[in-house]
Amino acid sequence: MADILSERPAEIISAVLKVAEEQMVPLMRQSVSQGNLPFAAAILHQSDLTPFTVSVNKVKESPLLHGEMNCIREFFANPAGERPPVSSCLFFSTHEPCSLCLSGISWTGFSTVCFLFAYEDTRDLVGIEGDIDIIKEVFRVDGAKDEARPLYNKTNRFFTARSVEELWDGVADEPEKERLKGEIQKVRALFDEFRQA
């Protein structure tokens, strides 16, 4: 499958922002009101970028049901003949996947991943530092210039992951890039209601 992250960045940004605004945020509001955390994920068809599965964090049910893990669970609850092959899907999460979710994505074969908020945004917006701490403490081997190294390989043999901002950098058409900048800011602002004081 072609690298749609670099070939179709503007289309992907528009599609994932629409899913975030129209489906994820409303589901997150309901989920957060039940005591869950404000995270969601979606699995989209790469062909037309429509969502197949959209799900939210359900850690009140199980600490393993992060938004991404719950989305994977719901995706595979569909009979094999009724769900698209993972190789033809784009995995989108509201926040950069934690180590648990990165492993789940890898084990299930989703090879194209996109997210809206980076780990630092998650820390600053929601007040959750566990993602960074777990990766540093469990996976990072001490070495020179530790702080300058990324926390994980965004391009590896299992998947390629990019933030919406990284995709935005690849949009060549300047008017489209400017339009998308406004859309990104608008959708990111929707998440302010989930900010921890």
C-alpha atoms as a PDB file:
ATOM      1  CA  MET A   1       0.000   0.000   0.000  1.00  0.00           C
ATOM      2  CA  ALA A   2       1.295   3.448  -0.892  1.00  0.00           C
ATOM      3  CA  ASP A   3       2.332   5.893   1.823  1.00  0.00           C
ATOM      4  CA  ILE A   4      -0.875   7.903   2.069  1.00  0.00           C
ATOM      5  CA  LEU A   5       0.540   9.993   4.917  1.00  0.00           C
ATOM      6  CA  SER A   6       2.940  11.719   2.537  1.00  0.00           C
ATOM      7  CA  GLU A   7       0.816  11.418  -0.622  1.00  0.00           C
ATOM      8  CA  ARG A   8      -2.529  12.704   0.731  1.00  0.00           C
ATOM      9  CA  PRO A   9      -1.803  14.858   3.800  1.00  0.00           C
ATOM     10  CA  ALA A  10      -4.484  17.501   3.148  1.00  0.00           C
ATOM     11  CA  GLU A  11      -7.206  14.882   2.574  1.00  0.00           C
ATOM     12  CA  ILE A  12      -6.190  13.002   5.710  1.00  0.00           C
ATOM     13  CA  ILE A  13      -6.141  16.127   7.861  1.00  0.00           C
ATOM     14  CA  SER A  14      -9.620  17.150   6.659  1.00  0.00           C
ATOM     15  CA  ALA A  15     -11.009  13.658   7.212  1.00  0.00           C
ATOM     16  CA  VAL A  16      -9.579  13.096  10.694  1.00  0.00           C
ATOM     17  CA  LEU A  17     -10.554  16.565  11.889  1.00  0.00           C
ATOM     18  CA  LYS A  18     -14.122  15.940  10.689  1.00  0.00           C
ATOM     19  CA  VAL A  19     -14.233  12.602  12.526  1.00  0.00           C
ATOM     20  CA  ALA A  20     -12.801  14.235  15.652  1.00  0.00           C
ATOM     21  CA  GLU A  21     -15.284  17.099  15.606  1.00  0.00           C
ATOM     22  CA  GLU A  22     -18.425  15.234  14.571  1.00  0.00           C
ATOM     23  CA  GLN A  23     -17.981  11.825  16.205  1.00  0.00           C
ATOM     24  CA  MET A  24     -15.136  11.645  18.700  1.00  0.00           C
ATOM     25  CA  VAL A  25     -15.759  14.778  20.765  1.00  0.00           C
ATOM     26  CA  PRO A  26     -19.479  13.990  21.318  1.00  0.00           C
ATOM     27  CA  LEU A  27     -18.606  10.406  22.351  1.00  0.00           C
ATOM     28  CA  MET A  28     -15.838  11.701  24.611  1.00  0.00           C
ATOM     29  CA  ARG A  29     -18.202  14.096  26.373  1.00  0.00           C
ATOM     30  CA  GLN A  30     -20.466  11.193  27.271  1.00  0.00           C
ATOM     31  CA  SER A  31     -17.540   8.964  28.251  1.00  0.00           C
ATOM     32  CA  VAL A  32     -15.883  11.626  30.424  1.00  0.00           C
ATOM     33  CA  SER A  33     -19.214  12.222  32.201  1.00  0.00           C
ATOM     34  CA  GLN A  34     -19.033   8.536  33.203  1.00  0.00           C
ATOM     35  CA  GLY A  35     -15.563   8.989  34.710  1.00  0.00           C
ATOM     36  CA  ASN A  36     -13.428   7.894  31.769  1.00  0.00           C
ATOM     37  CA  LEU A  37     -10.498   9.813  30.315  1.00  0.00           C
ATOM     38  CA  PRO A  38     -10.840  12.131  27.280  1.00  0.00           C
ATOM     39  CA  PHE A  39      -9.252   9.942  24.613  1.00  0.00           C
ATOM     40  CA  ALA A  40     -10.684   8.450  21.426  1.00  0.00           C
ATOM     41  CA  ALA A  41      -9.597   6.574  18.322  1.00  0.00           C
ATOM     42  CA  ALA A  42     -10.988   5.776  14.896  1.00  0.00           C
ATOM     43  CA  ILE A  43     -10.186   3.320  12.148  1.00  0.00           C
ATOM     44  CA  LEU A  44     -10.827   4.776   8.694  1.00  0.00           C
ATOM     45  CA  HIS A  45     -10.885   3.221   5.251  1.00  0.00           C
ATOM     46  CA  GLN A  46      -7.793   4.504   3.419  1.00  0.00           C
ATOM     47  CA  SER A  47      -9.659   4.561   0.105  1.00  0.00           C
ATOM     48  CA  ASP A  48     -12.260   7.209   0.969  1.00  0.00           C
ATOM     49  CA  LEU A  49     -11.177   8.135   4.528  1.00  0.00           C
ATOM     50  CA  THR A  50     -14.572   7.315   6.028  1.00  0.00           C
ATOM     51  CA  PRO A  51     -14.620   5.865   9.540  1.00  0.00           C
ATOM     52  CA  PHE A  52     -15.321   2.185  10.077  1.00  0.00           C
ATOM     53  CA  THR A  53     -14.940   2.202  13.861  1.00  0.00           C
ATOM     54  CA  VAL A  54     -14.921   5.127  16.306  1.00  0.00           C
ATOM     55  CA  SER A  55     -14.430   4.466  19.988  1.00  0.00           C
ATOM     56  CA  VAL A  56     -13.523   6.118  23.272  1.00  0.00           C
ATOM     57  CA  ASN A  57     -11.552   5.402  26.402  1.00  0.00           C
ATOM     58  CA  LYS A  58     -13.370   3.090  28.848  1.00  0.00           C
ATOM     59  CA  VAL A  59     -10.860   2.730  31.685  1.00  0.00           C
ATOM     60  CA  LYS A  60     -13.703   2.569  34.211  1.00  0.00           C
ATOM     61  CA  GLU A  61     -14.600  -0.781  32.628  1.00  0.00           C
ATOM     62  CA  SER A  62     -10.971  -1.937  32.352  1.00  0.00           C
ATOM     63  CA  PRO A  63      -7.652  -0.086  32.710  1.00  0.00           C
ATOM     64  CA  LEU A  64      -6.630  -1.660  29.398  1.00  0.00           C
ATOM     65  CA  LEU A  65      -9.457  -0.045  27.427  1.00  0.00           C
ATOM     66  CA  HIS A  66      -7.631   3.056  26.300  1.00  0.00           C
ATOM     67  CA  GLY A  67      -9.301   4.748  23.329  1.00  0.00           C
ATOM     68  CA  GLU A  68      -7.058   2.938  20.857  1.00  0.00           C
ATOM     69  CA  MET A  69      -7.346  -0.470  22.521  1.00  0.00           C
ATOM     70  CA  ASN A  70     -11.124  -0.174  22.750  1.00  0.00           C
ATOM     71  CA  CYS A  71     -11.264   0.844  19.085  1.00  0.00           C
ATOM     72  CA  ILE A  72      -9.151  -2.182  18.113  1.00  0.00           C
ATOM     73  CA  ARG A  73     -11.418  -4.412  20.215  1.00  0.00           C
ATOM     74  CA  GLU A  74     -14.549  -3.039  18.547  1.00  0.00           C
ATOM     75  CA  PHE A  75     -12.974  -3.315  15.082  1.00  0.00           C
ATOM     76  CA  PHE A  76     -12.171  -7.007  15.563  1.00  0.00           C
ATOM     77  CA  ALA A  77     -15.604  -7.694  17.087  1.00  0.00           C
ATOM     78  CA  ASN A  78     -16.899  -7.412  13.511  1.00  0.00           C
ATOM     79  CA  PRO A  79     -16.808 -10.672  11.528  1.00  0.00           C
ATOM     80  CA  ALA A  80     -13.710 -10.934   9.320  1.00  0.00           C
ATOM     81  CA  GLY A  81     -15.771 -10.736   6.140  1.00  0.00           C
ATOM     82  CA  GLU A  82     -17.481  -7.538   7.270  1.00  0.00           C
ATOM     83  CA  ARG A  83     -14.449  -5.487   8.271  1.00  0.00           C
ATOM     84  CA  PRO A  84     -11.770  -4.083   5.980  1.00  0.00           C
ATOM     85  CA  PRO A  85      -8.291  -5.594   6.032  1.00  0.00           C
ATOM     86  CA  VAL A  86      -6.050  -3.674   8.443  1.00  0.00           C
ATOM     87  CA  SER A  87      -3.655  -2.994   5.568  1.00  0.00           C
ATOM     88  CA  SER A  88      -6.337  -0.821   3.952  1.00  0.00           C
ATOM     89  CA  CYS A  89      -7.012   1.239   7.081  1.00  0.00           C
ATOM     90  CA  LEU A  90      -5.770   4.451   8.657  1.00  0.00           C
ATOM     91  CA  PHE A  91      -5.620   4.413  12.451  1.00  0.00           C
ATOM     92  CA  PHE A  92      -6.368   7.836  13.984  1.00  0.00           C
ATOM     93  CA  SER A  93      -6.193   8.716  17.654  1.00  0.00           C
ATOM     94  CA  THR A  94      -6.931  11.975  19.383  1.00  0.00           C
ATOM     95  CA  HIS A  95      -3.681  11.702  21.347  1.00  0.00           C
ATOM     96  CA  GLU A  96      -0.323  10.147  20.503  1.00  0.00           C
ATOM     97  CA  PRO A  97      -0.668   6.465  21.426  1.00  0.00           C
ATOM     98  CA  CYS A  98       0.938   5.340  24.682  1.00  0.00           C
ATOM     99  CA  SER A  99       3.227   2.309  24.869  1.00  0.00           C
ATOM    100  CA  LEU A 100       0.268  -0.045  25.480  1.00  0.00           C
ATOM    101  CA  CYS A 101      -1.577   1.287  22.452  1.00  0.00           C
ATOM    102  CA  LEU A 102       1.524   1.396  20.234  1.00  0.00           C
ATOM    103  CA  SER A 103       1.976  -2.293  21.015  1.00  0.00           C
ATOM    104  CA  GLY A 104      -1.691  -3.023  20.312  1.00  0.00           C
ATOM    105  CA  ILE A 105      -1.465  -1.210  16.990  1.00  0.00           C
ATOM    106  CA  SER A 106       1.706  -3.143  16.120  1.00  0.00           C
ATOM    107  CA  TRP A 107       0.326  -6.548  17.141  1.00  0.00           C
ATOM    108  CA  THR A 108      -2.861  -6.073  15.132  1.00  0.00           C
ATOM    109  CA  GLY A 109      -1.104  -4.908  11.971  1.00  0.00           C
ATOM    110  CA  PHE A 110      -2.301  -1.332  11.504  1.00  0.00           C
ATOM    111  CA  SER A 111       0.566   0.214   9.572  1.00  0.00           C
ATOM    112  CA  THR A 112      -0.631   3.795   9.094  1.00  0.00           C
ATOM    113  CA  VAL A 113      -1.190   5.910  12.209  1.00  0.00           C
ATOM    114  CA  CYS A 114      -2.083   9.568  12.709  1.00  0.00           C
ATOM    115  CA  PHE A 115      -2.773  11.537  15.899  1.00  0.00           C
ATOM    116  CA  LEU A 116      -3.876  15.061  16.828  1.00  0.00           C
ATOM    117  CA  PHE A 117      -2.109  15.751  20.136  1.00  0.00           C
ATOM    118  CA  ALA A 118       1.513  14.816  20.948  1.00  0.00           C
ATOM    119  CA  TYR A 119       2.586  13.415  24.337  1.00  0.00           C
ATOM    120  CA  GLU A 120       3.544  16.891  25.544  1.00  0.00           C
ATOM    121  CA  ASP A 121       0.079  18.180  24.634  1.00  0.00           C
ATOM    122  CA  THR A 122      -1.482  15.289  26.566  1.00  0.00           C
ATOM    123  CA  ARG A 123       0.614  16.176  29.587  1.00  0.00           C
ATOM    124  CA  ASP A 124      -0.240  19.871  29.346  1.00  0.00           C
ATOM    125  CA  LEU A 125      -3.912  19.536  28.326  1.00  0.00           C
ATOM    126  CA  VAL A 126      -5.087  16.566  30.371  1.00  0.00           C
ATOM    127  CA  GLY A 127      -2.409  16.449  33.065  1.00  0.00           C
ATOM    128  CA  ILE A 128      -1.343  12.894  32.249  1.00  0.00           C
ATOM    129  CA  GLU A 129       2.417  12.310  32.217  1.00  0.00           C
ATOM    130  CA  GLY A 130       2.306   8.518  32.290  1.00  0.00           C
ATOM    131  CA  ASP A 131       2.856   8.127  28.555  1.00  0.00           C
ATOM    132  CA  ILE A 132       6.235   9.846  28.650  1.00  0.00           C
ATOM    133  CA  ASP A 133       7.222   8.342  32.013  1.00  0.00           C
ATOM    134  CA  ILE A 134       6.454   4.743  31.036  1.00  0.00           C
ATOM    135  CA  ILE A 135       8.295   4.967  27.732  1.00  0.00           C
ATOM    136  CA  LYS A 136      11.335   6.561  29.399  1.00  0.00           C
ATOM    137  CA  GLU A 137      11.405   4.205  32.378  1.00  0.00           C
ATOM    138  CA  VAL A 138      10.546   0.934  30.654  1.00  0.00           C
ATOM    139  CA  PHE A 139      11.848   1.262  27.110  1.00  0.00           C
ATOM    140  CA  ARG A 140      14.533   3.923  26.855  1.00  0.00           C
ATOM    141  CA  VAL A 141      18.043   2.625  27.399  1.00  0.00           C
ATOM    142  CA  ASP A 142      20.349   5.200  28.963  1.00  0.00           C
ATOM    143  CA  GLY A 143      22.745   6.739  26.515  1.00  0.00           C
ATOM    144  CA  ALA A 144      24.250   9.968  25.322  1.00  0.00           C
ATOM    145  CA  LYS A 145      21.838  12.794  24.625  1.00  0.00           C
ATOM    146  CA  ASP A 146      18.778  10.909  25.962  1.00  0.00           C
ATOM    147  CA  GLU A 147      16.603  13.994  26.066  1.00  0.00           C
ATOM    148  CA  ALA A 148      17.290  14.774  22.407  1.00  0.00           C
ATOM    149  CA  ARG A 149      16.207  11.324  21.222  1.00  0.00           C
ATOM    150  CA  PRO A 150      12.585  10.667  20.267  1.00  0.00           C
ATOM    151  CA  LEU A 151      10.653   8.441  22.655  1.00  0.00           C
ATOM    152  CA  TYR A 152       9.947   5.854  19.941  1.00  0.00           C
ATOM    153  CA  ASN A 153      10.530   5.261  16.244  1.00  0.00           C
ATOM    154  CA  LYS A 154       7.620   6.783  14.351  1.00  0.00           C
ATOM    155  CA  THR A 155       8.755   4.913  11.255  1.00  0.00           C
ATOM    156  CA  ASN A 156       9.487   1.258  11.919  1.00  0.00           C
ATOM    157  CA  ARG A 157       8.767  -2.139  10.425  1.00  0.00           C
ATOM    158  CA  PHE A 158       5.307  -2.277  12.037  1.00  0.00           C
ATOM    159  CA  PHE A 159       3.858   1.170  11.318  1.00  0.00           C
ATOM    160  CA  THR A 160       4.431   4.757  10.254  1.00  0.00           C
ATOM    161  CA  ALA A 161       2.978   7.355  12.620  1.00  0.00           C
ATOM    162  CA  ARG A 162       2.592  11.081  12.043  1.00  0.00           C
ATOM    163  CA  SER A 163       0.949  13.882  13.955  1.00  0.00           C
ATOM    164  CA  VAL A 164      -1.561  16.089  12.185  1.00  0.00           C
ATOM    165  CA  GLU A 165       1.038  18.883  12.467  1.00  0.00           C
ATOM    166  CA  GLU A 166       3.624  16.731  10.690  1.00  0.00           C
ATOM    167  CA  LEU A 167       1.090  15.992   7.944  1.00  0.00           C
ATOM    168  CA  TRP A 168       0.307  19.710   7.722  1.00  0.00           C
ATOM    169  CA  ASP A 169       4.003  20.419   7.085  1.00  0.00           C
ATOM    170  CA  GLY A 170       3.707  18.225   3.974  1.00  0.00           C
ATOM    171  CA  VAL A 171       0.798  20.120   2.390  1.00  0.00           C
ATOM    172  CA  ALA A 172       2.235  21.898  -0.667  1.00  0.00           C
ATOM    173  CA  ASP A 173      -0.768  24.021  -1.676  1.00  0.00           C
ATOM    174  CA  GLU A 174      -0.442  27.241   0.386  1.00  0.00           C
ATOM    175  CA  PRO A 175      -4.138  28.288   0.351  1.00  0.00           C
ATOM    176  CA  GLU A 176      -5.119  24.741   1.392  1.00  0.00           C
ATOM    177  CA  LYS A 177      -2.403  24.753   4.045  1.00  0.00           C
ATOM    178  CA  GLU A 178      -3.741  28.012   5.482  1.00  0.00           C
ATOM    179  CA  ARG A 179      -7.327  26.675   5.459  1.00  0.00           C
ATOM    180  CA  LEU A 180      -6.219  23.502   7.233  1.00  0.00           C
ATOM    181  CA  LYS A 181      -4.334  25.531   9.841  1.00  0.00           C
ATOM    182  CA  GLY A 182      -7.627  27.167  10.812  1.00  0.00           C
ATOM    183  CA  GLU A 183      -9.418  23.800  10.884  1.00  0.00           C
ATOM    184  CA  ILE A 184      -6.698  22.279  13.074  1.00  0.00           C
ATOM    185  CA  GLN A 185      -6.910  25.189  15.517  1.00  0.00           C
ATOM    186  CA  LYS A 186     -10.729  24.948  15.594  1.00  0.00           C
ATOM    187  CA  VAL A 187     -10.766  21.215  16.342  1.00  0.00           C
ATOM    188  CA  ARG A 188      -7.926  21.441  18.869  1.00  0.00           C
ATOM    189  CA  ALA A 189      -9.932  24.146  20.672  1.00  0.00           C
ATOM    190  CA  LEU A 190     -12.820  21.669  21.089  1.00  0.00           C
ATOM    191  CA  PHE A 191     -10.566  19.715  23.431  1.00  0.00           C
ATOM    192  CA  ASP A 192     -10.154  22.677  25.802  1.00  0.00           C
ATOM    193  CA  GLU A 193     -13.233  21.487  27.698  1.00  0.00           C
ATOM    194  CA  PHE A 194     -11.270  18.395  28.711  1.00  0.00           C
ATOM    195  CA  ARG A 195      -8.348  20.445  30.064  1.00  0.00           C
ATOM    196  CA  GLN A 196      -7.408  19.721  33.658  1.00  0.00           C
ATOM    197  CA  ALA A 197      -7.328  22.826  35.817  1.00  0.00           C
END
